[in-house]
Amino acid sequence: MSATAPTAEPEAIRISRASMLLAYVTGAYGFSYSVMVAFLIPLRAMELDTPIEMIGLIVGAGAAVPALLSVPSGELADRLGPRRTYILSTFVSGIVTLVGALTQSYWVLFAVQLVSGLARSTAWLASQTYLTSVGRPEERATITGRMSFATNAGMIVAPLVIGASSDLVGFQWSFVTLSLMSMLFCLMGTRLPEVRVPRTTAKRGGSAGFGLALGLLRLRGMQVVLQLTFVRIWSAIFWMSFYPVLMVQQGFGASAIGTLLAVYAGVSTVVTLGAGRVAARLGNAMACAIALGLGAIGVALSPHLLTYPWVFLPAALVGIGQGLSLPLLVATVSEEAPPDQRGVALGLRMSVNQGASTVAPIIAGGVAAALGMGLSFAFNGVLSLLLLVFAAWLYRGAKRR
């Protein structure tokens, strides 16, 4: 039941270039669906005269279940295979989402969010597991960088699609658009070749992957991954929540804030393609720590750069950190976890990611209230840098041993 230290991988699994391109495209489903739901759910709930506190509960339900069940989702991808798991997840999501178009009850909408949120996150885990199972280990950062580029591109297109659909057919029937998109990605998944890695774990147990996850937590490399994951979420949520507020306090208009966020998103998208080159020089984990360190510096400097054109520098630094860190973290997981436990390892990382997304805004709000807006940015940046230095020290120590 326990995890084992990473072992030498068998001969690299290869698929055609056309199949790789298709795999990158299918990887865009998870975040694209999430963006579209984040737009549609609260607006549809308002149409149903849902109490405001219930709207918040419905919106949060989509992330709550993955926070608890990402490890079993990863175990499913390891046992069933990432391709079959992806097909099953997108199909379930498409069917359940269709219910959203047929209901007049916000309680049913809540149930739709619970099920579709789990299906969406499982599909995203399956995509990561699939792409980290092909190619040689030294190619993983390049592969995951291209996956992240496709994911970010999908996040740009998705709101345009759901916005146009809502104008055309209304919020209720735009759930059909979501369902059709899920079925389209499901169909694309059927065109992917099967990818299975050899079993290296003699006994997996029947604990839905939680036993394996506990074993993985003993691996120093996985401990570092989870620390880096927390820093990534902590920095991004704080900066995106409070930097626009700080800009408004300094007299910036909405268009300037929109431009700032566009710079952040653009930089984050472009730098994903450089993940492989950076990792080749520094290694996946160390490159991730350095990238997040640049983001932490950007957060700390933000209150001191509130004049043109310097106001956009923090957006660029945070964008570099966020853009490079995701593919490098996924590549590091594939490097540290045994090949047939990648799904569980990625699920463990996603659980920490979702948990940090829940806790970080609460802590950040308390810090901002206690220290004031200016000092809170310095506190966030310095704390992030200290955690990154500690993670790098742990990782280098583990590699020396």
Protein backbone atom coordinates (compact mmCIF):
# COMPACT_ATOMS: atom_id res chain seq x y z
CA MET A 1 0.00 0.00 0.00
CA SER A 2 2.86 2.38 0.67
CA ALA A 3 4.58 4.34 -2.03
CA THR A 4 8.05 3.50 -3.12
CA ALA A 5 10.84 5.81 -4.12
CA PRO A 6 10.90 6.63 -7.82
CA THR A 7 12.45 3.94 -9.92
CA ALA A 8 14.05 4.04 -13.34
CA GLU A 9 11.38 4.28 -15.97
CA PRO A 10 11.01 1.72 -18.74
CA GLU A 11 11.54 2.67 -22.36
CA ALA A 12 9.85 5.98 -23.14
CA ILE A 13 6.28 5.77 -24.43
CA ARG A 14 5.92 7.51 -27.78
CA ILE A 15 2.85 8.70 -29.65
CA SER A 16 2.61 10.52 -32.97
CA ARG A 17 2.88 14.29 -33.28
CA ALA A 18 -0.77 14.49 -34.28
CA SER A 19 -1.75 12.57 -31.15
CA MET A 20 0.44 14.84 -29.00
CA LEU A 21 -1.24 17.91 -30.47
CA LEU A 22 -4.64 16.38 -29.76
CA ALA A 23 -3.55 15.58 -26.19
CA TYR A 24 -2.57 19.23 -25.65
CA VAL A 25 -5.95 20.39 -26.95
CA THR A 26 -7.88 17.96 -24.74
CA GLY A 27 -5.86 19.24 -21.78
CA ALA A 28 -7.57 22.62 -22.19
CA TYR A 29 -10.93 21.18 -21.13
CA GLY A 30 -10.61 21.38 -17.33
CA PHE A 31 -9.84 25.08 -16.97
CA SER A 32 -12.03 26.12 -19.92
CA TYR A 33 -15.03 24.39 -18.39
CA SER A 34 -14.23 25.92 -15.00
CA VAL A 35 -14.13 29.45 -16.44
CA MET A 36 -17.42 28.97 -18.27
CA VAL A 37 -19.13 27.59 -15.16
CA ALA A 38 -17.80 30.45 -13.03
CA PHE A 39 -19.48 32.84 -15.47
CA LEU A 40 -22.75 30.94 -15.92
CA ILE A 41 -23.65 29.50 -12.52
CA PRO A 42 -24.10 32.72 -10.49
CA LEU A 43 -26.03 34.44 -13.29
CA ARG A 44 -28.36 31.49 -13.75
CA ALA A 45 -28.79 31.24 -9.98
CA MET A 46 -29.85 34.90 -9.90
CA GLU A 47 -32.50 34.14 -12.53
CA LEU A 48 -33.89 31.48 -10.20
CA ASP A 49 -34.18 34.03 -7.35
CA THR A 50 -31.55 32.20 -5.33
CA PRO A 51 -30.63 33.77 -1.97
CA ILE A 52 -27.26 35.49 -2.21
CA GLU A 53 -25.66 33.27 0.45
CA MET A 54 -26.84 30.20 -1.46
CA ILE A 55 -25.24 31.52 -4.66
CA GLY A 56 -21.89 31.54 -2.87
CA LEU A 57 -22.46 27.98 -1.69
CA ILE A 58 -23.37 26.81 -5.20
CA VAL A 59 -20.32 28.49 -6.74
CA GLY A 60 -18.00 27.02 -4.11
CA ALA A 61 -19.43 23.52 -4.45
CA GLY A 62 -17.56 22.96 -7.70
CA ALA A 63 -14.20 23.24 -5.93
CA ALA A 64 -15.13 21.69 -2.59
CA VAL A 65 -15.50 18.11 -3.82
CA PRO A 66 -12.20 18.04 -5.78
CA ALA A 67 -10.42 19.29 -2.66
CA LEU A 68 -11.57 16.13 -0.86
CA LEU A 69 -11.63 13.58 -3.67
CA SER A 70 -8.74 14.45 -6.00
CA VAL A 71 -6.67 11.55 -4.63
CA PRO A 72 -9.34 8.93 -5.53
CA SER A 73 -9.64 10.63 -8.94
CA GLY A 74 -5.91 10.16 -9.43
CA GLU A 75 -6.14 6.53 -8.33
CA LEU A 76 -8.87 6.03 -10.93
CA ALA A 77 -6.56 7.43 -13.62
CA ASP A 78 -3.78 5.06 -12.51
CA ARG A 79 -6.02 1.98 -12.41
CA LEU A 80 -8.34 2.60 -15.37
CA GLY A 81 -5.80 4.45 -17.48
CA PRO A 82 -5.76 8.21 -18.13
CA ARG A 83 -7.42 7.98 -21.56
CA ARG A 84 -10.43 5.99 -20.33
CA THR A 85 -10.70 8.16 -17.23
CA TYR A 86 -10.73 11.29 -19.39
CA ILE A 87 -13.43 9.91 -21.68
CA LEU A 88 -15.58 8.82 -18.74
CA SER A 89 -15.17 12.13 -16.89
CA THR A 90 -16.00 14.39 -19.83
CA PHE A 91 -19.00 12.20 -20.71
CA VAL A 92 -20.36 12.35 -17.15
CA SER A 93 -19.78 16.10 -17.06
CA GLY A 94 -21.66 16.54 -20.34
CA ILE A 95 -24.67 14.54 -19.16
CA VAL A 96 -24.85 16.17 -15.73
CA THR A 97 -24.42 19.68 -17.14
CA LEU A 98 -27.40 19.08 -19.42
CA VAL A 99 -29.53 18.75 -16.29
CA GLY A 100 -28.67 22.37 -15.54
CA ALA A 101 -30.58 23.43 -18.65
CA LEU A 102 -33.69 21.50 -17.61
CA THR A 103 -34.02 22.49 -13.96
CA GLN A 104 -35.83 25.38 -12.32
CA SER A 105 -34.47 24.55 -8.86
CA TYR A 106 -31.31 26.03 -7.42
CA TRP A 107 -30.93 22.90 -5.26
CA VAL A 108 -30.60 20.83 -8.43
CA LEU A 109 -28.09 23.40 -9.67
CA PHE A 110 -26.14 22.79 -6.46
CA ALA A 111 -26.12 19.03 -7.16
CA VAL A 112 -25.01 19.67 -10.74
CA GLN A 113 -22.08 21.69 -9.43
CA LEU A 114 -21.03 18.92 -7.03
CA VAL A 115 -20.98 16.20 -9.68
CA SER A 116 -19.70 18.23 -12.62
CA GLY A 117 -16.98 19.80 -10.45
CA LEU A 118 -15.63 16.36 -9.57
CA ALA A 119 -15.91 15.17 -13.19
CA ARG A 120 -14.14 18.28 -14.49
CA SER A 121 -11.25 17.98 -12.02
CA THR A 122 -10.92 14.25 -12.76
CA ALA A 123 -10.65 15.01 -16.48
CA TRP A 124 -7.93 17.58 -15.74
CA LEU A 125 -6.02 15.04 -13.63
CA ALA A 126 -6.37 12.46 -16.38
CA SER A 127 -4.93 14.94 -18.91
CA GLN A 128 -1.91 15.60 -16.70
CA THR A 129 -1.40 11.89 -16.06
CA TYR A 130 -1.62 11.13 -19.79
CA LEU A 131 0.90 13.77 -20.87
CA THR A 132 3.39 12.99 -18.08
CA SER A 133 3.34 9.33 -19.14
CA VAL A 134 4.74 9.97 -22.63
CA GLY A 135 8.25 10.92 -23.65
CA ARG A 136 11.49 10.79 -21.68
CA PRO A 137 11.80 12.35 -18.20
CA GLU A 138 13.95 15.22 -19.51
CA GLU A 139 11.19 16.10 -22.01
CA ARG A 140 8.45 16.41 -19.38
CA ALA A 141 8.90 20.12 -18.63
CA THR A 142 8.60 20.94 -22.33
CA ILE A 143 5.52 18.72 -22.65
CA THR A 144 3.81 20.17 -19.58
CA GLY A 145 4.75 23.69 -20.71
CA ARG A 146 2.90 23.13 -23.99
CA MET A 147 0.00 21.64 -22.05
CA SER A 148 -0.15 24.79 -19.90
CA PHE A 149 -0.03 26.99 -22.99
CA ALA A 150 -3.06 25.16 -24.43
CA THR A 151 -4.79 25.44 -21.05
CA ASN A 152 -4.23 29.20 -20.88
CA ALA A 153 -5.34 29.63 -24.47
CA GLY A 154 -8.55 27.78 -23.62
CA MET A 155 -9.14 30.14 -20.70
CA ILE A 156 -8.97 33.08 -23.13
CA VAL A 157 -11.44 31.56 -25.59
CA ALA A 158 -13.89 30.04 -23.07
CA PRO A 159 -15.40 33.27 -21.66
CA LEU A 160 -15.91 34.59 -25.18
CA VAL A 161 -17.83 31.43 -26.14
CA ILE A 162 -20.07 31.32 -23.07
CA GLY A 163 -20.68 35.08 -23.25
CA ALA A 164 -21.81 34.85 -26.87
CA SER A 165 -23.96 31.82 -26.06
CA SER A 166 -25.64 33.64 -23.16
CA ASP A 167 -26.46 36.61 -25.40
CA LEU A 168 -27.85 34.29 -28.04
CA VAL A 169 -29.91 31.74 -26.06
CA GLY A 170 -29.87 33.00 -22.46
CA PHE A 171 -28.26 31.67 -19.31
CA GLN A 172 -30.51 28.61 -18.92
CA TRP A 173 -29.94 27.13 -22.36
CA SER A 174 -26.24 27.99 -22.33
CA PHE A 175 -25.89 24.88 -20.17
CA VAL A 176 -26.47 23.03 -23.43
CA THR A 177 -23.40 24.80 -24.82
CA LEU A 178 -21.42 23.51 -21.83
CA SER A 179 -22.76 20.01 -22.38
CA LEU A 180 -21.93 20.04 -26.10
CA MET A 181 -18.40 21.27 -25.35
CA SER A 182 -17.93 18.39 -22.88
CA MET A 183 -19.14 15.88 -25.44
CA LEU A 184 -16.81 17.36 -28.07
CA PHE A 185 -13.82 16.92 -25.77
CA CYS A 186 -15.06 13.43 -24.91
CA LEU A 187 -15.07 12.58 -28.63
CA MET A 188 -11.55 13.97 -28.99
CA GLY A 189 -10.49 11.78 -26.09
CA THR A 190 -11.64 8.67 -27.95
CA ARG A 191 -9.16 9.55 -30.72
CA LEU A 192 -6.17 9.46 -28.37
CA PRO A 193 -4.03 6.29 -28.36
CA GLU A 194 -4.02 4.24 -25.15
CA VAL A 195 -1.13 4.97 -22.77
CA ARG A 196 -0.41 2.63 -19.85
CA VAL A 197 2.68 2.49 -17.67
CA PRO A 198 3.96 -0.78 -16.14
CA ARG A 199 3.01 -1.54 -12.53
CA THR A 200 5.82 -0.95 -10.05
CA THR A 201 3.74 -1.17 -6.87
CA ALA A 202 3.21 -4.74 -5.74
CA LYS A 203 0.14 -4.01 -3.61
CA ARG A 204 -2.06 -0.93 -3.93
CA GLY A 205 -4.66 -1.71 -1.25
CA GLY A 206 -8.31 -0.68 -1.28
CA SER A 207 -8.16 2.78 0.30
CA ALA A 208 -9.18 4.74 -2.83
CA GLY A 209 -5.59 5.96 -3.19
CA PHE A 210 -5.33 7.56 0.26
CA GLY A 211 -2.92 4.88 1.49
CA LEU A 212 -0.66 5.51 -1.49
CA ALA A 213 -0.96 9.25 -0.93
CA LEU A 214 0.27 8.86 2.65
CA GLY A 215 3.22 6.89 1.35
CA LEU A 216 3.99 9.59 -1.20
CA LEU A 217 4.00 12.18 1.56
CA ARG A 218 7.09 10.47 2.98
CA LEU A 219 9.04 11.26 -0.19
CA ARG A 220 11.08 14.44 0.22
CA GLY A 221 10.50 15.41 -3.39
CA MET A 222 6.72 15.30 -2.93
CA GLN A 223 6.99 17.35 0.26
CA VAL A 224 8.82 20.01 -1.74
CA VAL A 225 6.17 19.91 -4.49
CA LEU A 226 3.39 20.52 -1.97
CA GLN A 227 5.29 23.42 -0.38
CA LEU A 228 5.80 25.00 -3.79
CA THR A 229 2.12 24.45 -4.58
CA PHE A 230 1.09 26.33 -1.44
CA VAL A 231 3.42 29.25 -2.22
CA ARG A 232 2.07 29.43 -5.78
CA ILE A 233 -1.53 29.75 -4.58
CA TRP A 234 -0.68 32.02 -1.62
CA SER A 235 1.13 34.57 -3.81
CA ALA A 236 -1.34 34.59 -6.70
CA ILE A 237 -4.52 34.85 -4.65
CA PHE A 238 -3.16 37.63 -2.46
CA TRP A 239 -1.84 39.65 -5.39
CA MET A 240 -4.93 39.25 -7.59
CA SER A 241 -7.26 40.03 -4.68
CA PHE A 242 -5.55 43.10 -3.25
CA TYR A 243 -3.42 44.72 -5.96
CA PRO A 244 -6.50 45.94 -7.89
CA VAL A 245 -7.85 47.34 -4.59
CA LEU A 246 -4.55 49.13 -4.00
CA MET A 247 -4.67 50.57 -7.53
CA VAL A 248 -8.19 51.90 -7.00
CA GLN A 249 -7.06 53.54 -3.75
CA GLN A 250 -4.30 55.26 -5.72
CA GLY A 251 -6.73 56.60 -8.33
CA PHE A 252 -6.30 54.11 -11.18
CA GLY A 253 -9.36 53.44 -13.32
CA ALA A 254 -11.00 50.16 -14.31
CA SER A 255 -9.35 50.15 -17.74
CA ALA A 256 -5.89 50.35 -16.16
CA ILE A 257 -6.71 47.43 -13.86
CA GLY A 258 -8.05 45.43 -16.81
CA THR A 259 -4.85 46.14 -18.75
CA LEU A 260 -2.80 45.05 -15.74
CA LEU A 261 -4.60 41.72 -15.52
CA ALA A 262 -4.25 41.27 -19.30
CA VAL A 263 -0.49 41.78 -18.99
CA TYR A 264 -0.40 39.21 -16.20
CA ALA A 265 -2.39 36.66 -18.24
CA GLY A 266 -0.37 37.31 -21.41
CA VAL A 267 3.00 36.90 -19.71
CA SER A 268 1.76 33.81 -17.86
CA THR A 269 0.66 32.23 -21.14
CA VAL A 270 3.78 33.02 -23.18
CA VAL A 271 6.38 31.88 -20.62
CA THR A 272 4.87 28.38 -20.38
CA LEU A 273 6.61 27.56 -23.66
CA GLY A 274 9.99 28.23 -22.04
CA ALA A 275 9.52 25.74 -19.20
CA GLY A 276 11.56 23.04 -20.91
CA ARG A 277 14.58 25.26 -21.52
CA VAL A 278 14.60 26.58 -17.96
CA ALA A 279 14.23 23.09 -16.52
CA ALA A 280 17.08 21.79 -18.69
CA ARG A 281 19.42 24.30 -17.03
CA LEU A 282 18.21 24.24 -13.44
CA GLY A 283 16.08 21.12 -12.96
CA ASN A 284 12.32 21.10 -12.59
CA ALA A 285 12.00 21.82 -8.86
CA MET A 286 14.75 24.45 -8.63
CA ALA A 287 13.48 26.24 -11.75
CA CYS A 288 10.00 26.29 -10.20
CA ALA A 289 11.31 27.74 -6.94
CA ILE A 290 13.22 30.49 -8.77
CA ALA A 291 10.20 31.36 -10.93
CA LEU A 292 7.98 31.61 -7.86
CA GLY A 293 10.70 33.68 -6.20
CA LEU A 294 10.41 36.24 -9.02
CA GLY A 295 6.67 36.29 -8.43
CA ALA A 296 7.20 36.82 -4.69
CA ILE A 297 9.51 39.77 -5.42
CA GLY A 298 6.81 41.19 -7.68
CA VAL A 299 4.26 40.92 -4.86
CA ALA A 300 6.58 42.59 -2.32
CA LEU A 301 7.40 45.47 -4.70
CA SER A 302 3.81 46.11 -5.79
CA PRO A 303 2.98 48.99 -3.38
CA HIS A 304 6.16 50.83 -4.45
CA LEU A 305 5.51 50.69 -8.21
CA LEU A 306 2.21 52.51 -8.55
CA THR A 307 3.30 54.84 -11.35
CA TYR A 308 3.37 54.32 -15.11
CA PRO A 309 4.96 52.24 -16.60
CA TRP A 310 6.33 50.53 -13.47
CA VAL A 311 2.84 49.49 -12.33
CA PHE A 312 2.95 46.68 -14.89
CA LEU A 313 6.25 45.22 -13.65
CA PRO A 314 4.65 43.29 -10.73
CA ALA A 315 2.11 41.85 -13.20
CA ALA A 316 4.96 40.61 -15.39
CA LEU A 317 6.90 39.12 -12.45
CA VAL A 318 3.86 37.39 -10.95
CA GLY A 319 2.91 36.20 -14.45
CA ILE A 320 6.35 34.64 -14.90
CA GLY A 321 6.04 32.85 -11.57
CA GLN A 322 2.55 31.56 -12.22
CA GLY A 323 3.12 30.66 -15.87
CA LEU A 324 6.32 28.68 -15.34
CA SER A 325 5.44 27.09 -12.02
CA LEU A 326 2.43 25.04 -13.15
CA PRO A 327 4.18 22.98 -15.86
CA LEU A 328 7.31 22.68 -13.71
CA LEU A 329 5.29 21.43 -10.73
CA VAL A 330 3.51 18.83 -12.86
CA ALA A 331 6.85 17.75 -14.35
CA THR A 332 8.38 17.52 -10.85
CA VAL A 333 5.53 15.26 -9.71
CA SER A 334 6.17 12.95 -12.67
CA GLU A 335 9.86 12.92 -11.72
CA GLU A 336 9.38 12.21 -8.00
CA ALA A 337 6.43 9.75 -7.98
CA PRO A 338 6.64 6.14 -9.17
CA PRO A 339 5.31 5.92 -12.76
CA ASP A 340 2.16 3.96 -11.87
CA GLN A 341 1.31 6.37 -9.02
CA ARG A 342 1.42 9.63 -10.99
CA GLY A 343 -2.36 9.98 -10.92
CA VAL A 344 -2.43 9.70 -7.12
CA ALA A 345 0.52 12.10 -6.80
CA LEU A 346 -1.12 14.65 -9.09
CA GLY A 347 -4.37 14.22 -7.15
CA LEU A 348 -2.52 14.86 -3.90
CA ARG A 349 -1.07 18.06 -5.36
CA MET A 350 -4.52 19.13 -6.54
CA SER A 351 -5.99 18.54 -3.08
CA VAL A 352 -3.36 20.81 -1.55
CA ASN A 353 -3.98 23.30 -4.37
CA GLN A 354 -7.73 23.39 -3.67
CA GLY A 355 -7.21 23.52 0.08
CA ALA A 356 -4.76 26.42 -0.27
CA SER A 357 -7.24 28.20 -2.55
CA THR A 358 -9.79 27.98 0.26
CA VAL A 359 -7.51 29.01 3.14
CA ALA A 360 -5.26 31.59 1.46
CA PRO A 361 -7.91 34.31 0.91
CA ILE A 362 -8.98 34.08 4.56
CA ILE A 363 -5.41 34.40 5.82
CA ALA A 364 -4.61 37.13 3.30
CA GLY A 365 -7.62 39.18 4.39
CA GLY A 366 -6.58 38.89 8.03
CA VAL A 367 -3.00 39.92 7.24
CA ALA A 368 -4.18 42.93 5.21
CA ALA A 369 -6.49 44.01 8.05
CA ALA A 370 -3.80 43.62 10.71
CA LEU A 371 -0.78 45.13 8.91
CA GLY A 372 -2.37 47.53 6.47
CA MET A 373 -2.29 47.22 2.71
CA GLY A 374 1.33 48.28 2.13
CA LEU A 375 2.98 46.10 4.77
CA SER A 376 0.81 43.10 3.89
CA PHE A 377 2.41 42.92 0.42
CA ALA A 378 5.88 42.91 1.97
CA PHE A 379 4.81 40.24 4.47
CA ASN A 380 3.41 38.04 1.69
CA GLY A 381 6.50 38.38 -0.47
CA VAL A 382 9.01 37.79 2.34
CA LEU A 383 7.10 34.79 3.69
CA SER A 384 6.93 33.30 0.20
CA LEU A 385 10.68 33.77 -0.31
CA LEU A 386 11.47 32.14 3.05
CA LEU A 387 9.28 29.13 2.21
CA LEU A 388 10.93 28.87 -1.21
CA VAL A 389 14.44 28.96 0.26
CA PHE A 390 13.45 26.26 2.75
CA ALA A 391 11.95 24.11 -0.03
CA ALA A 392 15.09 24.49 -2.16
CA TRP A 393 17.27 23.55 0.82
CA LEU A 394 15.19 20.42 1.46
CA TYR A 395 15.30 19.44 -2.19
CA ARG A 396 19.05 19.89 -2.58
CA GLY A 397 19.62 17.93 0.62
CA ALA A 398 17.45 15.07 -0.63
CA LYS A 399 19.25 14.95 -3.98
CA ARG A 400 22.68 14.90 -2.30
CA ARG A 401 21.61 11.93 -0.21
